Protein backbone atom coordinates (compact mmCIF):
# COMPACT_ATOMS: atom_id res chain seq x y z
CA MET A 1 5.36 4.09 144.54
CA ASN A 2 7.71 1.60 146.17
CA PRO A 3 5.90 -0.07 149.11
CA ALA A 4 9.24 -1.26 150.52
CA LYS A 5 10.30 2.30 151.27
CA LYS A 6 9.58 3.57 154.77
CA PRO A 7 6.92 6.33 154.58
CA ILE A 8 7.96 9.48 156.45
CA TRP A 9 6.50 12.90 157.17
CA ILE A 10 9.04 15.69 157.76
CA ASP A 11 8.21 18.67 159.97
CA CYS A 12 11.01 21.23 159.64
CA ASP A 13 12.19 24.83 159.80
CA PRO A 14 14.65 25.28 156.87
CA GLY A 15 17.40 26.31 157.85
CA MET A 16 20.54 25.00 156.15
CA ASP A 17 20.67 21.67 157.97
CA ASP A 18 16.96 21.12 157.33
CA ALA A 19 17.56 21.76 153.62
CA LEU A 20 20.27 19.09 153.47
CA ALA A 21 18.05 16.68 155.43
CA LEU A 22 15.24 17.23 152.92
CA ILE A 23 17.61 16.54 150.03
CA LEU A 24 18.83 13.31 151.64
CA ALA A 25 15.31 12.11 152.41
CA LEU A 26 14.14 12.85 148.88
CA LYS A 27 17.10 10.96 147.41
CA SER A 28 17.17 8.03 149.84
CA PRO A 29 16.35 4.63 148.30
CA LEU A 30 15.02 3.56 151.72
CA LEU A 31 12.57 6.40 152.41
CA ARG A 32 9.38 7.74 150.82
CA VAL A 33 8.57 11.35 151.71
CA VAL A 34 4.79 11.50 152.09
CA GLY A 35 4.68 15.15 153.06
CA ILE A 36 6.62 18.09 154.47
CA SER A 37 5.43 20.77 156.88
CA ALA A 38 6.92 24.04 158.07
CA VAL A 39 7.24 25.07 161.70
CA SER A 40 8.54 28.33 163.15
CA GLY A 41 12.05 27.92 164.50
CA ASN A 42 15.16 28.98 162.64
CA LEU A 43 12.85 31.43 160.85
CA PRO A 44 9.10 32.10 160.92
CA ALA A 45 6.94 29.33 159.47
CA ALA A 46 6.07 31.36 156.36
CA ARG A 47 9.73 31.68 155.38
CA CYS A 48 10.37 28.03 156.22
CA TYR A 49 7.42 27.05 154.02
CA GLN A 50 8.94 29.07 151.19
CA ASN A 51 12.27 27.31 151.68
CA ILE A 52 10.63 23.88 151.56
CA HIS A 53 9.30 24.69 148.10
CA THR A 54 12.65 26.15 147.04
CA VAL A 55 14.37 22.90 147.99
CA LEU A 56 11.70 20.87 146.19
CA ALA A 57 12.28 22.99 143.08
CA LEU A 58 16.04 22.50 143.38
CA MET A 59 15.43 18.75 143.45
CA GLU A 60 12.88 18.98 140.62
CA ARG A 61 10.28 17.24 142.77
CA SER A 62 6.58 17.95 142.48
CA GLY A 63 3.46 16.34 143.87
CA ILE A 64 4.66 16.14 147.48
CA VAL A 65 2.10 17.35 149.99
CA THR A 66 3.17 20.42 151.97
CA ALA A 67 1.68 22.38 154.87
CA ARG A 68 2.46 25.32 157.13
CA GLY A 69 2.13 25.75 160.89
CA THR A 70 1.49 28.77 163.09
CA ALA A 71 3.91 31.68 163.34
CA VAL A 72 4.40 31.47 167.12
CA ALA A 73 5.06 28.92 169.82
CA LEU A 74 2.26 27.57 172.04
CA SER A 75 2.52 30.28 174.68
CA HIS A 76 4.94 33.00 173.59
CA GLU A 77 6.51 34.84 170.68
CA LEU A 78 9.14 33.22 168.50
CA ALA A 79 12.63 33.34 170.04
CA HIS A 80 15.49 35.04 168.23
CA ASP A 81 17.97 32.57 166.71
CA PRO A 82 21.49 33.43 167.95
CA PHE A 83 23.11 31.36 165.19
CA SER A 84 21.43 32.69 162.00
CA HIS A 85 21.07 30.73 158.79
CA GLY A 86 21.23 33.93 156.77
CA ALA A 87 18.41 36.20 155.66
CA ASP A 88 17.16 33.53 153.27
CA GLY A 89 17.64 30.70 155.75
CA LEU A 90 19.79 28.85 153.21
CA GLY A 91 23.19 30.38 153.87
CA GLU A 92 22.84 33.33 151.48
CA THR A 93 23.39 30.97 148.55
CA GLY A 94 21.24 32.88 146.09
CA LEU A 95 18.66 30.20 145.31
CA THR A 96 15.65 31.65 143.52
CA PRO A 97 12.55 31.31 145.73
CA ALA A 98 10.07 28.88 144.22
CA PRO A 99 6.34 29.60 143.77
CA ILE A 100 4.22 28.53 146.72
CA PRO A 101 0.52 27.69 147.08
CA ALA A 102 -1.64 30.70 147.83
CA ASP A 103 -3.57 28.93 150.60
CA PRO A 104 -1.26 26.52 152.49
CA ALA A 105 -2.78 23.59 154.34
CA TYR A 106 -2.66 23.77 158.16
CA ALA A 107 0.22 21.56 159.24
CA PRO A 108 -1.10 19.99 162.48
CA ARG A 109 -4.39 18.98 160.86
CA LEU A 110 -2.69 17.57 157.77
CA ILE A 111 -0.22 15.57 159.87
CA VAL A 112 -3.17 13.94 161.63
CA GLU A 113 -4.98 13.25 158.36
CA GLN A 114 -1.94 11.69 156.74
CA ALA A 115 -1.16 9.61 159.83
CA ARG A 116 -4.74 8.28 159.90
CA ALA A 117 -4.66 7.49 156.18
CA ALA A 118 -1.34 5.65 156.41
CA ALA A 119 -2.46 3.65 159.46
CA HIS A 120 -5.69 2.72 157.68
CA GLN A 121 -3.60 1.36 154.81
CA GLY A 122 -1.47 -0.67 157.22
CA GLN A 123 1.73 1.31 156.71
CA LYS A 124 2.29 3.68 159.62
CA LEU A 125 4.19 6.92 159.11
CA THR A 126 7.46 7.73 160.80
CA LEU A 127 7.42 11.39 161.82
CA LEU A 128 10.67 13.36 161.59
CA ALA A 129 10.60 16.60 163.58
CA LEU A 130 13.66 18.66 162.65
CA GLY A 131 12.58 21.88 164.36
CA PRO A 132 10.60 22.94 167.42
CA LEU A 133 7.74 20.61 168.34
CA THR A 134 4.87 23.11 168.00
CA ASN A 135 3.18 21.38 165.06
CA ILE A 136 3.55 17.93 166.60
CA ALA A 137 2.07 19.12 169.91
CA LEU A 138 -0.87 20.78 168.14
CA ALA A 139 -1.45 17.65 166.05
CA TRP A 140 -1.50 15.55 169.23
CA MET A 141 -3.92 17.99 170.87
CA GLU A 142 -6.22 17.54 167.86
CA GLU A 143 -5.80 13.75 167.85
CA PRO A 144 -4.64 12.26 171.20
CA ALA A 145 -4.31 8.85 169.49
CA LEU A 146 -1.58 10.19 167.18
CA PRO A 147 1.22 8.34 169.05
CA GLN A 148 -0.56 5.06 168.29
CA LEU A 149 -1.20 6.00 164.65
CA VAL A 150 2.49 6.52 163.82
CA GLU A 151 5.38 4.08 163.91
CA ARG A 152 7.87 6.40 165.62
CA LEU A 153 8.65 10.06 166.18
CA ILE A 154 12.30 10.97 165.55
CA ILE A 155 13.27 14.44 166.73
CA ILE A 156 16.34 16.61 166.57
CA GLY A 157 16.23 17.99 170.06
CA GLY A 158 17.66 17.99 173.54
CA ALA A 159 21.02 17.76 175.26
CA PHE A 160 21.31 14.72 177.47
CA GLY A 161 24.83 14.86 178.91
CA LEU A 162 25.87 11.64 177.19
CA GLN A 163 28.74 13.29 175.29
CA ARG A 164 30.73 16.42 176.12
CA GLU A 165 29.26 18.19 173.05
CA ALA A 166 25.90 18.33 174.82
CA ALA A 167 27.31 21.05 177.08
CA LEU A 168 29.89 22.62 174.76
CA ASN A 169 27.44 23.21 171.92
CA ALA A 170 24.32 24.34 173.80
CA THR A 171 22.32 26.28 171.21
CA GLY A 172 19.34 27.73 173.07
CA GLY A 173 18.97 31.00 174.94
CA ASN A 174 20.65 29.82 178.15
CA PRO A 175 23.68 27.69 179.09
CA VAL A 176 21.93 24.29 179.13
CA SER A 177 19.21 24.33 176.46
CA GLU A 178 19.06 23.10 172.88
CA TRP A 179 17.47 25.37 170.28
CA ASN A 180 14.54 23.23 169.08
CA ILE A 181 13.37 22.50 172.62
CA TYR A 182 14.09 26.04 173.84
CA VAL A 183 11.93 27.68 171.14
CA ASP A 184 8.81 25.91 172.42
CA PRO A 185 9.46 23.96 175.63
CA GLU A 186 5.73 23.79 176.42
CA ALA A 187 5.17 21.96 173.13
CA ALA A 188 8.17 19.70 173.74
CA ARG A 189 6.91 18.77 177.20
CA ARG A 190 3.50 17.82 175.82
CA VAL A 191 5.10 15.71 173.11
CA PHE A 192 7.42 13.95 175.56
CA HIS A 193 4.39 13.05 177.72
CA ALA A 194 2.12 12.07 174.83
CA GLY A 195 3.23 8.44 174.57
CA PHE A 196 5.10 8.44 171.26
CA ALA A 197 7.78 5.87 170.56
CA LEU A 198 10.26 8.73 170.60
CA THR A 199 13.88 8.84 169.46
CA ALA A 200 15.64 12.09 170.37
CA VAL A 201 18.88 12.90 168.56
CA GLY A 202 20.29 15.70 170.65
CA LEU A 203 23.47 17.75 170.75
CA ASP A 204 25.36 14.74 172.12
CA VAL A 205 25.41 13.22 168.62
CA ALA A 206 24.11 15.89 166.22
CA THR A 207 26.94 18.33 167.07
CA HIS A 208 29.63 15.74 167.80
CA ARG A 209 33.14 16.59 166.63
CA ASP A 210 33.30 13.32 164.66
CA LEU A 211 30.29 14.32 162.57
CA CYS A 212 32.36 17.10 160.96
CA LEU A 213 33.39 16.45 157.38
CA LEU A 214 36.96 15.33 156.80
CA PRO A 215 39.06 17.09 154.10
CA GLU A 216 38.51 14.15 151.76
CA ASP A 217 34.74 14.38 152.38
CA GLU A 218 34.75 18.04 151.42
CA ALA A 219 36.80 17.25 148.32
CA ARG A 220 34.18 14.71 147.19
CA LEU A 221 31.41 17.23 147.78
CA ARG A 222 33.10 20.05 145.89
CA ALA A 223 33.99 17.80 142.95
CA SER A 224 30.32 17.14 142.18
CA ASP A 225 28.38 19.12 139.58
CA LEU A 226 24.98 18.13 141.00
CA PRO A 227 22.91 21.24 141.85
CA GLU A 228 22.20 19.92 145.33
CA ALA A 229 25.90 19.30 145.97
CA ARG A 230 26.73 22.84 144.88
CA GLN A 231 24.00 24.13 147.21
CA VAL A 232 25.41 22.21 150.17
CA ALA A 233 28.93 23.41 149.33
CA GLY A 234 27.65 26.98 149.39
CA MET A 235 25.99 26.49 152.76
CA LEU A 236 29.19 24.92 154.06
CA ASP A 237 31.15 27.98 152.90
CA TYR A 238 28.69 30.21 154.77
CA VAL A 239 29.15 28.26 158.01
CA LEU A 240 32.93 27.91 157.81
CA GLY A 241 33.30 31.55 156.84
CA ARG A 242 31.64 32.56 160.11
CA GLY A 243 33.97 30.43 162.22
CA PHE A 244 31.62 27.51 162.84
CA GLN A 245 32.25 23.83 162.11
CA SER A 246 30.76 21.78 159.29
CA TYR A 247 28.47 19.80 161.59
CA CYS A 248 26.18 22.87 161.60
CA VAL A 249 25.02 21.92 158.10
CA LEU A 250 24.69 18.21 158.98
CA ILE A 251 22.70 18.28 162.23
CA ASP A 252 19.26 17.41 160.87
CA SER A 253 20.68 14.74 158.58
CA CYS A 254 21.08 12.60 161.71
CA ALA A 255 17.29 12.21 161.91
CA VAL A 256 17.12 11.06 158.29
CA ALA A 257 19.87 8.54 159.01
CA ALA A 258 18.00 7.34 162.12
CA ALA A 259 14.91 6.72 159.97
CA ALA A 260 16.69 5.08 157.05
CA GLN A 261 19.38 3.11 158.89
CA PRO A 262 18.64 3.04 162.63
CA GLU A 263 21.78 1.02 163.32
CA LEU A 264 23.89 4.11 162.59
CA ILE A 265 22.64 5.82 165.77
CA GLU A 266 23.17 4.23 169.19
CA THR A 267 20.43 5.08 171.69
CA VAL A 268 19.81 4.59 175.39
CA ALA A 269 16.48 4.61 177.22
CA LEU A 270 16.20 7.63 179.51
CA HIS A 271 13.57 8.93 181.90
CA CYS A 272 13.48 12.55 180.75
CA ASP A 273 11.32 15.66 180.94
CA VAL A 274 11.49 19.27 179.74
CA GLU A 275 11.97 22.29 182.02
CA THR A 276 9.49 25.06 181.22
CA GLN A 277 9.76 27.44 184.20
CA SER A 278 13.25 28.58 185.15
CA GLU A 279 14.85 31.41 183.20
CA LEU A 280 18.24 29.78 183.79
CA THR A 281 17.23 26.34 182.49
CA ARG A 282 14.12 26.86 180.34
CA GLY A 283 14.12 24.28 177.56
CA MET A 284 16.56 21.97 179.32
CA THR A 285 15.98 18.25 178.84
CA VAL A 286 16.35 16.85 182.37
CA SER A 287 17.23 13.14 182.58
CA ASP A 288 17.00 11.09 185.76
CA VAL A 289 19.70 8.40 185.60
CA ARG A 290 20.06 7.82 189.35
CA ASP A 291 20.50 4.29 190.65
CA ASN A 292 18.27 5.12 193.60
CA PHE A 293 15.15 7.27 194.01
CA ARG A 294 14.68 7.68 190.25
CA TRP A 295 11.45 9.40 189.17
CA GLN A 296 9.88 6.51 187.28
CA ASP A 297 6.91 8.59 186.13
CA LEU A 298 9.07 10.77 183.84
CA PRO A 299 8.57 10.03 180.13
CA LEU A 300 10.78 7.23 178.81
CA ILE A 301 12.49 8.12 175.54
CA ASP A 302 15.31 6.73 173.41
CA ALA A 303 18.11 9.30 173.40
CA ALA A 304 21.04 9.15 171.00
CA GLN A 305 24.25 8.61 172.94
CA ASP A 306 26.68 7.75 170.12
CA ALA A 307 26.90 7.01 166.40
CA ASP A 308 29.00 5.15 163.88
CA PHE A 309 30.30 8.48 162.62
CA PRO A 310 32.35 7.22 159.63
CA ARG A 311 29.28 5.37 158.33
CA LEU A 312 27.03 8.31 159.20
CA ARG A 313 29.18 10.71 157.16
CA GLU A 314 29.20 8.18 154.33
CA PHE A 315 25.41 7.91 154.52
CA ILE A 316 25.17 11.66 154.06
CA LEU A 317 27.71 11.90 151.25
CA SER A 318 26.62 8.84 149.28
CA ASN A 319 22.98 9.90 149.27
CA LEU A 320 23.77 13.53 148.51
CA LEU A 321 26.15 12.68 145.64
CA ALA A 322 24.05 9.87 144.13
CA GLU A 323 22.75 10.55 140.63
CA ARG A 324 19.04 11.20 140.55
């Protein structure tokens, strides 16, 4: 174990972009993956848990703690994903499903246990939430001191109006929501109010046009014989073949970059809350940036407003293509 590596826990819903994010985190020389949990989002938690183990098998990694969350959101059934990551969640790439434990640990409880253990050892966890915030909310409900036990919570979530992509690439079930928040806005609202040091990488950066791979980036990827590079190339083919852009496979990698090299992501402090009522705007992240009459009691978060995209793409490619 390298104590210099930042310890992270990843809560995710694989999902193609989650799979790439897991690969990058596992290969990063700056991060130590303490554990991985599955949340319902892109697919039900059971399928996401299967995909976590499939990715771990692809990477020939064993001994990493895993857990599974509940099948539904806090107050309603799981929403239908309008995008689709394929029936297998991994872009129909034909990976053989890996064996999974017969009795998975309960994700919210294990997140709390691991956060307590790390804090007791003087090395707080950084939580990466790549999917809906159901598990994080339930963990906080079990342990209200969780925000103080962890170093930072980095989420992929929200659309903050800081770049035009926030509106153009809305991914939830209405014109202004982002998928991860939309799936469980009640959970997101609890997490925003919980008191975490919270970095939110939303659609403004995670779906930005400059995140898309350049032709020379794709050429580097396709020239590699590494199994993980071939997997990512297959997922990229699935996305491009359906008329989407390559950023769709890279979205969750932004959270890994924010954990490993925070300087790659430029953030701004925003007073922000989550809409849970209106059918038209359910799941919308509402920021108050007014010069006058601002609602100061809204949660204060750090929202990604820009990135060093050439270096961000290089972070993704260099880690992905590094020899194990």
